[in-house]
Amino acid sequence: MTATSDLYFRQESVGEMANFAYVVGSRETREALLVDPAWSVDALLDACEADGVTVVGALVTHYHQDHVGGEIFGHAIEGLDRLLARRPVPVHVNEHEAEGLKRVTGVSESDLVRHAGGDVVALGDRLRVRLLHTPGHTPGSQCFLVEESGAPGRLVSGDTLFLGSCGRVDLPGGDPEALYHSLHGVLKKLPDETLLYPGHLYASEPESTLGEQKRTNPYLRVSGLETFLGFLGLG
């Protein structure tokens, strides 16, 4: 970011599954949103408080427990329940993901703000987060495009797009054809200079650009759906 940027942005490594959580906020308003708060919710909130930043909401990429908390493999992962206990803030979720999120985390309908693809969450006067519906990994998976005038966009891609790979489609709700269209019909159309921040550290680096991924990521380089399905072992 530039010296005059209003963006407050943190990428935090959390948990035992190489997850990333994010903080996206405005330096002017000192307000921020947590993206996929799980594993270390208190640490995320404490870091924001230390910087004089107030958390005013949560953004959910998808409902899997390692991103939002809940019971998995006999383990209880801290997540939205802990966030709401400390900060009763709205949880922004895609409309197709809301029921799964409630089932996994125990949050109430009154905690949620249901969104359609293309909705925008504003942060102050200079920042906005565009919610991109990118089904495939789950039906309501969404990516967050953080936009500020005069600066490259920052795409927080959850489990839809990783550095050098893409999300799984073999879990309940996975849809390989939907993932292909999310990658090629939505994300690949974003500018090359867009900065990419994935939901997991599955590569040697924690971030990239979409231009670099278009050149090197085989799941973005494929010429069509049939080849994409073949890469997934479904051809």
C-alpha atoms as a PDB file:
ATOM      1  CA  MET A   1       0.000   0.000   0.000  1.00  0.00           C
ATOM      2  CA  THR A   2       1.064   3.609  -0.557  1.00  0.00           C
ATOM      3  CA  ALA A   3       1.877   6.088   2.157  1.00  0.00           C
ATOM      4  CA  THR A   4      -1.520   7.749   1.566  1.00  0.00           C
ATOM      5  CA  SER A   5      -3.488   4.499   1.521  1.00  0.00           C
ATOM      6  CA  ASP A   6      -6.404   4.178   3.886  1.00  0.00           C
ATOM      7  CA  LEU A   7      -6.107   0.388   3.920  1.00  0.00           C
ATOM      8  CA  TYR A   8      -5.296  -1.462   7.134  1.00  0.00           C
ATOM      9  CA  PHE A   9      -4.531  -5.050   6.102  1.00  0.00           C
ATOM     10  CA  ARG A  10      -3.154  -7.995   8.041  1.00  0.00           C
ATOM     11  CA  GLN A  11      -2.545 -11.562   6.917  1.00  0.00           C
ATOM     12  CA  GLU A  12      -2.290 -13.878   9.925  1.00  0.00           C
ATOM     13  CA  SER A  13      -1.214 -17.529   9.984  1.00  0.00           C
ATOM     14  CA  VAL A  14      -3.550 -19.441  12.314  1.00  0.00           C
ATOM     15  CA  GLY A  15      -4.192 -22.967  13.472  1.00  0.00           C
ATOM     16  CA  GLU A  16      -2.945 -26.425  12.624  1.00  0.00           C
ATOM     17  CA  MET A  17      -4.102 -26.654   8.988  1.00  0.00           C
ATOM     18  CA  ALA A  18      -1.976 -23.850   7.508  1.00  0.00           C
ATOM     19  CA  ASN A  19      -4.930 -21.462   7.507  1.00  0.00           C
ATOM     20  CA  PHE A  20      -4.803 -17.734   6.958  1.00  0.00           C
ATOM     21  CA  ALA A  21      -7.134 -15.250   8.617  1.00  0.00           C
ATOM     22  CA  TYR A  22      -7.238 -11.628   7.515  1.00  0.00           C
ATOM     23  CA  VAL A  23      -7.999  -8.216   8.920  1.00  0.00           C
ATOM     24  CA  VAL A  24      -9.285  -5.647   6.430  1.00  0.00           C
ATOM     25  CA  GLY A  25      -9.887  -2.162   7.720  1.00  0.00           C
ATOM     26  CA  SER A  26      -9.759   1.598   7.324  1.00  0.00           C
ATOM     27  CA  ARG A  27      -6.966   3.588   8.899  1.00  0.00           C
ATOM     28  CA  GLU A  28      -9.169   6.677   8.891  1.00  0.00           C
ATOM     29  CA  THR A  29     -12.155   5.190  10.703  1.00  0.00           C
ATOM     30  CA  ARG A  30     -10.068   2.668  12.713  1.00  0.00           C
ATOM     31  CA  GLU A  31     -12.683  -0.003  11.922  1.00  0.00           C
ATOM     32  CA  ALA A  32     -12.050  -3.423  10.440  1.00  0.00           C
ATOM     33  CA  LEU A  33     -13.563  -6.707   9.309  1.00  0.00           C
ATOM     34  CA  LEU A  34     -12.148 -10.123  10.187  1.00  0.00           C
ATOM     35  CA  VAL A  35     -12.024 -12.631   7.326  1.00  0.00           C
ATOM     36  CA  ASP A  36     -12.485 -16.268   8.384  1.00  0.00           C
ATOM     37  CA  PRO A  37     -11.821 -15.762  12.100  1.00  0.00           C
ATOM     38  CA  ALA A  38     -10.892 -19.174  13.473  1.00  0.00           C
ATOM     39  CA  TRP A  39      -8.314 -20.958  15.661  1.00  0.00           C
ATOM     40  CA  SER A  40      -6.857 -17.789  17.272  1.00  0.00           C
ATOM     41  CA  VAL A  41      -9.782 -15.404  17.559  1.00  0.00           C
ATOM     42  CA  ASP A  42      -8.621 -13.798  20.792  1.00  0.00           C
ATOM     43  CA  ALA A  43      -5.190 -13.144  19.303  1.00  0.00           C
ATOM     44  CA  LEU A  44      -6.755 -11.521  16.236  1.00  0.00           C
ATOM     45  CA  LEU A  45      -8.965  -9.289  18.350  1.00  0.00           C
ATOM     46  CA  ASP A  46      -6.136  -8.423  20.724  1.00  0.00           C
ATOM     47  CA  ALA A  47      -3.865  -7.430  17.831  1.00  0.00           C
ATOM     48  CA  CYS A  48      -6.548  -5.123  16.469  1.00  0.00           C
ATOM     49  CA  GLU A  49      -7.129  -3.581  19.873  1.00  0.00           C
ATOM     50  CA  ALA A  50      -3.386  -3.006  20.271  1.00  0.00           C
ATOM     51  CA  ASP A  51      -3.441  -1.073  17.000  1.00  0.00           C
ATOM     52  CA  GLY A  52      -6.473   0.951  18.066  1.00  0.00           C
ATOM     53  CA  VAL A  53      -8.710  -0.777  15.521  1.00  0.00           C
ATOM     54  CA  THR A  54     -12.285  -1.816  16.300  1.00  0.00           C
ATOM     55  CA  VAL A  55     -13.651  -4.969  14.695  1.00  0.00           C
ATOM     56  CA  VAL A  56     -17.120  -4.196  13.285  1.00  0.00           C
ATOM     57  CA  GLY A  57     -17.896  -7.382  11.345  1.00  0.00           C
ATOM     58  CA  ALA A  58     -16.779 -10.724   9.972  1.00  0.00           C
ATOM     59  CA  LEU A  59     -16.528 -11.930   6.391  1.00  0.00           C
ATOM     60  CA  VAL A  60     -16.929 -15.662   5.757  1.00  0.00           C
ATOM     61  CA  THR A  61     -15.459 -17.271   2.647  1.00  0.00           C
ATOM     62  CA  HIS A  62     -17.222 -20.595   3.321  1.00  0.00           C
ATOM     63  CA  TYR A  63     -18.592 -22.686   6.155  1.00  0.00           C
ATOM     64  CA  HIS A  64     -15.846 -25.285   6.712  1.00  0.00           C
ATOM     65  CA  GLN A  65     -14.802 -25.535  10.342  1.00  0.00           C
ATOM     66  CA  ASP A  66     -11.154 -24.617   9.839  1.00  0.00           C
ATOM     67  CA  HIS A  67     -12.325 -21.206   8.584  1.00  0.00           C
ATOM     68  CA  VAL A  68     -15.219 -20.438  10.943  1.00  0.00           C
ATOM     69  CA  GLY A  69     -14.888 -22.802  13.899  1.00  0.00           C
ATOM     70  CA  GLY A  70     -16.790 -25.875  15.030  1.00  0.00           C
ATOM     71  CA  GLU A  71     -16.296 -29.572  15.655  1.00  0.00           C
ATOM     72  CA  ILE A  72     -14.176 -31.560  13.195  1.00  0.00           C
ATOM     73  CA  PHE A  73     -12.305 -34.864  13.587  1.00  0.00           C
ATOM     74  CA  GLY A  74     -13.106 -34.838  17.288  1.00  0.00           C
ATOM     75  CA  HIS A  75     -11.563 -31.412  17.835  1.00  0.00           C
ATOM     76  CA  ALA A  76     -13.287 -28.142  18.714  1.00  0.00           C
ATOM     77  CA  ILE A  77     -11.969 -25.190  16.715  1.00  0.00           C
ATOM     78  CA  GLU A  78     -12.469 -21.699  18.090  1.00  0.00           C
ATOM     79  CA  GLY A  79     -14.313 -19.499  15.641  1.00  0.00           C
ATOM     80  CA  LEU A  80     -17.349 -17.310  15.205  1.00  0.00           C
ATOM     81  CA  ASP A  81     -18.778 -18.337  18.556  1.00  0.00           C
ATOM     82  CA  ARG A  82     -15.765 -16.852  20.320  1.00  0.00           C
ATOM     83  CA  LEU A  83     -15.816 -13.733  18.154  1.00  0.00           C
ATOM     84  CA  LEU A  84     -19.479 -13.082  18.903  1.00  0.00           C
ATOM     85  CA  ALA A  85     -18.904 -13.650  22.615  1.00  0.00           C
ATOM     86  CA  ARG A  86     -16.372 -10.827  22.651  1.00  0.00           C
ATOM     87  CA  ARG A  87     -17.695  -8.682  19.820  1.00  0.00           C
ATOM     88  CA  PRO A  88     -21.362  -9.175  18.793  1.00  0.00           C
ATOM     89  CA  VAL A  89     -20.830  -8.061  15.195  1.00  0.00           C
ATOM     90  CA  PRO A  90     -22.641  -8.926  11.939  1.00  0.00           C
ATOM     91  CA  VAL A  91     -21.353 -11.952  10.040  1.00  0.00           C
ATOM     92  CA  HIS A  92     -21.413 -11.449   6.271  1.00  0.00           C
ATOM     93  CA  VAL A  93     -22.090 -14.714   4.430  1.00  0.00           C
ATOM     94  CA  ASN A  94     -23.245 -15.703   0.962  1.00  0.00           C
ATOM     95  CA  GLU A  95     -26.942 -16.544   0.871  1.00  0.00           C
ATOM     96  CA  HIS A  96     -26.180 -20.091  -0.343  1.00  0.00           C
ATOM     97  CA  GLU A  97     -23.841 -20.733   2.604  1.00  0.00           C
ATOM     98  CA  ALA A  98     -25.890 -19.394   5.489  1.00  0.00           C
ATOM     99  CA  GLU A  99     -27.652 -22.609   6.520  1.00  0.00           C
ATOM    100  CA  GLY A 100     -24.408 -24.583   6.499  1.00  0.00           C
ATOM    101  CA  LEU A 101     -22.725 -21.878   8.549  1.00  0.00           C
ATOM    102  CA  LYS A 102     -25.455 -21.987  11.174  1.00  0.00           C
ATOM    103  CA  ARG A 103     -25.303 -25.775  11.343  1.00  0.00           C
ATOM    104  CA  VAL A 104     -21.522 -25.919  11.746  1.00  0.00           C
ATOM    105  CA  THR A 105     -20.979 -22.999  14.126  1.00  0.00           C
ATOM    106  CA  GLY A 106     -24.256 -22.637  15.991  1.00  0.00           C
ATOM    107  CA  VAL A 107     -24.614 -18.956  15.107  1.00  0.00           C
ATOM    108  CA  SER A 108     -28.146 -17.578  14.859  1.00  0.00           C
ATOM    109  CA  GLU A 109     -29.933 -16.105  11.898  1.00  0.00           C
ATOM    110  CA  SER A 110     -29.921 -12.765  13.699  1.00  0.00           C
ATOM    111  CA  ASP A 111     -26.095 -12.839  13.640  1.00  0.00           C
ATOM    112  CA  LEU A 112     -25.969 -13.092   9.850  1.00  0.00           C
ATOM    113  CA  VAL A 113     -26.138 -10.708   6.941  1.00  0.00           C
ATOM    114  CA  ARG A 114     -26.971 -12.761   3.849  1.00  0.00           C
ATOM    115  CA  HIS A 115     -25.433 -11.559   0.598  1.00  0.00           C
ATOM    116  CA  ALA A 116     -25.733 -12.178  -3.111  1.00  0.00           C
ATOM    117  CA  GLY A 117     -22.718 -12.131  -5.388  1.00  0.00           C
ATOM    118  CA  GLY A 118     -21.731  -8.584  -6.284  1.00  0.00           C
ATOM    119  CA  ASP A 119     -22.786  -7.039  -2.989  1.00  0.00           C
ATOM    120  CA  VAL A 120     -20.418  -4.491  -1.456  1.00  0.00           C
ATOM    121  CA  VAL A 121     -19.422  -3.863   2.149  1.00  0.00           C
ATOM    122  CA  ALA A 122     -18.025  -0.358   2.647  1.00  0.00           C
ATOM    123  CA  LEU A 123     -15.181   0.582   4.960  1.00  0.00           C
ATOM    124  CA  GLY A 124     -15.177   4.314   5.472  1.00  0.00           C
ATOM    125  CA  ASP A 125     -15.370   6.576   2.441  1.00  0.00           C
ATOM    126  CA  ARG A 126     -12.408   5.212   0.474  1.00  0.00           C
ATOM    127  CA  LEU A 127     -12.530   1.440   0.751  1.00  0.00           C
ATOM    128  CA  ARG A 128     -15.013  -1.179  -0.292  1.00  0.00           C
ATOM    129  CA  VAL A 129     -15.052  -4.953  -0.243  1.00  0.00           C
ATOM    130  CA  ARG A 130     -16.778  -6.529  -3.232  1.00  0.00           C
ATOM    131  CA  LEU A 131     -18.237  -9.964  -2.507  1.00  0.00           C
ATOM    132  CA  LEU A 132     -17.683 -12.341  -5.426  1.00  0.00           C
ATOM    133  CA  HIS A 133     -19.793 -15.504  -5.410  1.00  0.00           C
ATOM    134  CA  THR A 134     -17.407 -18.290  -6.474  1.00  0.00           C
ATOM    135  CA  PRO A 135     -19.130 -21.655  -5.965  1.00  0.00           C
ATOM    136  CA  GLY A 136     -17.332 -24.935  -6.490  1.00  0.00           C
ATOM    137  CA  HIS A 137     -15.524 -25.720  -3.270  1.00  0.00           C
ATOM    138  CA  THR A 138     -18.883 -25.181  -1.553  1.00  0.00           C
ATOM    139  CA  PRO A 139     -22.154 -23.807  -2.982  1.00  0.00           C
ATOM    140  CA  GLY A 140     -21.797 -20.434  -1.282  1.00  0.00           C
ATOM    141  CA  SER A 141     -18.044 -19.919  -1.415  1.00  0.00           C
ATOM    142  CA  GLN A 142     -17.150 -16.273  -1.893  1.00  0.00           C
ATOM    143  CA  CYS A 143     -13.982 -14.274  -2.472  1.00  0.00           C
ATOM    144  CA  PHE A 144     -13.441 -10.726  -1.279  1.00  0.00           C
ATOM    145  CA  LEU A 145     -12.037  -8.052  -3.584  1.00  0.00           C
ATOM    146  CA  VAL A 146     -10.734  -5.166  -1.494  1.00  0.00           C
ATOM    147  CA  GLU A 147     -10.847  -2.033  -3.622  1.00  0.00           C
ATOM    148  CA  GLU A 148      -9.262   1.372  -3.075  1.00  0.00           C
ATOM    149  CA  SER A 149      -9.023   4.040  -5.739  1.00  0.00           C
ATOM    150  CA  GLY A 150      -5.545   4.265  -7.277  1.00  0.00           C
ATOM    151  CA  ALA A 151      -4.285   0.981  -5.805  1.00  0.00           C
ATOM    152  CA  PRO A 152      -4.299  -2.611  -7.058  1.00  0.00           C
ATOM    153  CA  GLY A 153      -7.170  -4.689  -5.766  1.00  0.00           C
ATOM    154  CA  ARG A 154      -6.515  -7.310  -3.117  1.00  0.00           C
ATOM    155  CA  LEU A 155      -8.323 -10.598  -3.577  1.00  0.00           C
ATOM    156  CA  VAL A 156      -8.848 -12.771  -0.505  1.00  0.00           C
ATOM    157  CA  SER A 157      -9.698 -16.044  -2.206  1.00  0.00           C
ATOM    158  CA  GLY A 158     -10.477 -18.490   0.608  1.00  0.00           C
ATOM    159  CA  ASP A 159     -10.408 -22.074  -0.643  1.00  0.00           C
ATOM    160  CA  THR A 160     -11.409 -21.201  -4.204  1.00  0.00           C
ATOM    161  CA  LEU A 161      -7.967 -20.325  -5.565  1.00  0.00           C
ATOM    162  CA  PHE A 162      -4.572 -21.123  -4.073  1.00  0.00           C
ATOM    163  CA  LEU A 163      -1.094 -20.299  -5.286  1.00  0.00           C
ATOM    164  CA  GLY A 164      -0.445 -22.960  -7.905  1.00  0.00           C
ATOM    165  CA  SER A 165      -3.664 -24.872  -7.287  1.00  0.00           C
ATOM    166  CA  CYS A 166      -7.365 -24.561  -6.513  1.00  0.00           C
ATOM    167  CA  GLY A 167      -9.934 -25.750  -3.999  1.00  0.00           C
ATOM    168  CA  ARG A 168     -11.099 -29.322  -3.497  1.00  0.00           C
ATOM    169  CA  VAL A 169     -14.366 -30.495  -5.011  1.00  0.00           C
ATOM    170  CA  ASP A 170     -14.637 -33.909  -3.321  1.00  0.00           C
ATOM    171  CA  LEU A 171     -16.255 -32.671  -0.099  1.00  0.00           C
ATOM    172  CA  PRO A 172     -20.040 -32.337   0.411  1.00  0.00           C
ATOM    173  CA  GLY A 173     -21.362 -29.557  -1.816  1.00  0.00           C
ATOM    174  CA  GLY A 174     -18.336 -29.573  -4.112  1.00  0.00           C
ATOM    175  CA  ASP A 175     -19.050 -28.939  -7.782  1.00  0.00           C
ATOM    176  CA  PRO A 176     -16.155 -29.182 -10.266  1.00  0.00           C
ATOM    177  CA  GLU A 177     -17.975 -27.481 -13.142  1.00  0.00           C
ATOM    178  CA  ALA A 178     -19.027 -24.607 -10.883  1.00  0.00           C
ATOM    179  CA  LEU A 179     -15.425 -24.215  -9.711  1.00  0.00           C
ATOM    180  CA  TYR A 180     -14.198 -24.055 -13.307  1.00  0.00           C
ATOM    181  CA  HIS A 181     -16.643 -21.261 -14.083  1.00  0.00           C
ATOM    182  CA  SER A 182     -15.761 -19.422 -10.860  1.00  0.00           C
ATOM    183  CA  LEU A 183     -12.066 -19.506 -11.733  1.00  0.00           C
ATOM    184  CA  HIS A 184     -12.374 -18.722 -15.431  1.00  0.00           C
ATOM    185  CA  GLY A 185     -15.563 -16.685 -15.552  1.00  0.00           C
ATOM    186  CA  VAL A 186     -14.969 -14.574 -12.453  1.00  0.00           C
ATOM    187  CA  LEU A 187     -11.464 -14.561 -10.977  1.00  0.00           C
ATOM    188  CA  LYS A 188      -9.464 -14.870 -14.183  1.00  0.00           C
ATOM    189  CA  LYS A 189     -11.207 -11.762 -15.526  1.00  0.00           C
ATOM    190  CA  LEU A 190      -9.772  -9.589 -12.752  1.00  0.00           C
ATOM    191  CA  PRO A 191      -6.738  -7.405 -13.621  1.00  0.00           C
ATOM    192  CA  ASP A 192      -3.300  -9.026 -13.620  1.00  0.00           C
ATOM    193  CA  GLU A 193      -2.040  -6.609 -10.975  1.00  0.00           C
ATOM    194  CA  THR A 194      -4.621  -7.820  -8.454  1.00  0.00           C
ATOM    195  CA  LEU A 195      -2.840  -9.107  -5.355  1.00  0.00           C
ATOM    196  CA  LEU A 196      -3.865 -12.615  -4.333  1.00  0.00           C
ATOM    197  CA  TYR A 197      -4.190 -13.798  -0.735  1.00  0.00           C
ATOM    198  CA  PRO A 198      -5.340 -17.426  -0.314  1.00  0.00           C
ATOM    199  CA  GLY A 199      -7.061 -19.215   2.558  1.00  0.00           C
ATOM    200  CA  HIS A 200      -4.118 -21.556   3.225  1.00  0.00           C
ATOM    201  CA  LEU A 201      -0.351 -21.506   2.967  1.00  0.00           C
ATOM    202  CA  TYR A 202      -0.043 -24.275   0.375  1.00  0.00           C
ATOM    203  CA  ALA A 203       2.938 -22.741  -1.452  1.00  0.00           C
ATOM    204  CA  SER A 204       6.358 -21.382  -0.585  1.00  0.00           C
ATOM    205  CA  GLU A 205       5.025 -17.814  -0.572  1.00  0.00           C
ATOM    206  CA  PRO A 206       1.971 -16.414   1.225  1.00  0.00           C
ATOM    207  CA  GLU A 207       0.780 -14.184  -1.627  1.00  0.00           C
ATOM    208  CA  SER A 208       1.021 -13.666  -5.375  1.00  0.00           C
ATOM    209  CA  THR A 209      -0.634 -11.700  -8.155  1.00  0.00           C
ATOM    210  CA  LEU A 210      -3.381 -12.883 -10.443  1.00  0.00           C
ATOM    211  CA  GLY A 211      -1.110 -12.180 -13.401  1.00  0.00           C
ATOM    212  CA  GLU A 212       1.492 -14.574 -12.035  1.00  0.00           C
ATOM    213  CA  GLN A 213      -1.154 -17.201 -11.357  1.00  0.00           C
ATOM    214  CA  LYS A 214      -2.599 -16.835 -14.853  1.00  0.00           C
ATOM    215  CA  ARG A 215       0.866 -17.601 -16.209  1.00  0.00           C
ATOM    216  CA  THR A 216       1.804 -20.457 -13.868  1.00  0.00           C
ATOM    217  CA  ASN A 217      -1.225 -22.005 -12.178  1.00  0.00           C
ATOM    218  CA  PRO A 218      -2.313 -25.029 -14.259  1.00  0.00           C
ATOM    219  CA  TYR A 219      -5.929 -24.669 -13.140  1.00  0.00           C
ATOM    220  CA  LEU A 220      -6.048 -21.161 -14.628  1.00  0.00           C
ATOM    221  CA  ARG A 221      -4.047 -22.083 -17.728  1.00  0.00           C
ATOM    222  CA  VAL A 222      -6.341 -24.872 -18.957  1.00  0.00           C
ATOM    223  CA  SER A 223      -8.037 -24.304 -22.306  1.00  0.00           C
ATOM    224  CA  GLY A 224     -11.436 -25.657 -21.331  1.00  0.00           C
ATOM    225  CA  LEU A 225     -13.678 -27.511 -18.921  1.00  0.00           C
ATOM    226  CA  GLU A 226     -12.717 -30.987 -20.131  1.00  0.00           C
ATOM    227  CA  THR A 227      -9.034 -30.383 -19.463  1.00  0.00           C
ATOM    228  CA  PHE A 228      -9.843 -28.838 -16.081  1.00  0.00           C
ATOM    229  CA  LEU A 229     -11.856 -31.901 -15.075  1.00  0.00           C
ATOM    230  CA  GLY A 230      -8.972 -34.089 -16.213  1.00  0.00           C
ATOM    231  CA  PHE A 231      -6.606 -32.174 -13.922  1.00  0.00           C
ATOM    232  CA  LEU A 232      -9.013 -32.906 -11.064  1.00  0.00           C
ATOM    233  CA  GLY A 233      -8.969 -36.594 -11.950  1.00  0.00           C
ATOM    234  CA  LEU A 234     -12.565 -36.447 -13.216  1.00  0.00           C
ATOM    235  CA  GLY A 235     -12.008 -36.581 -16.968  1.00  0.00           C
END
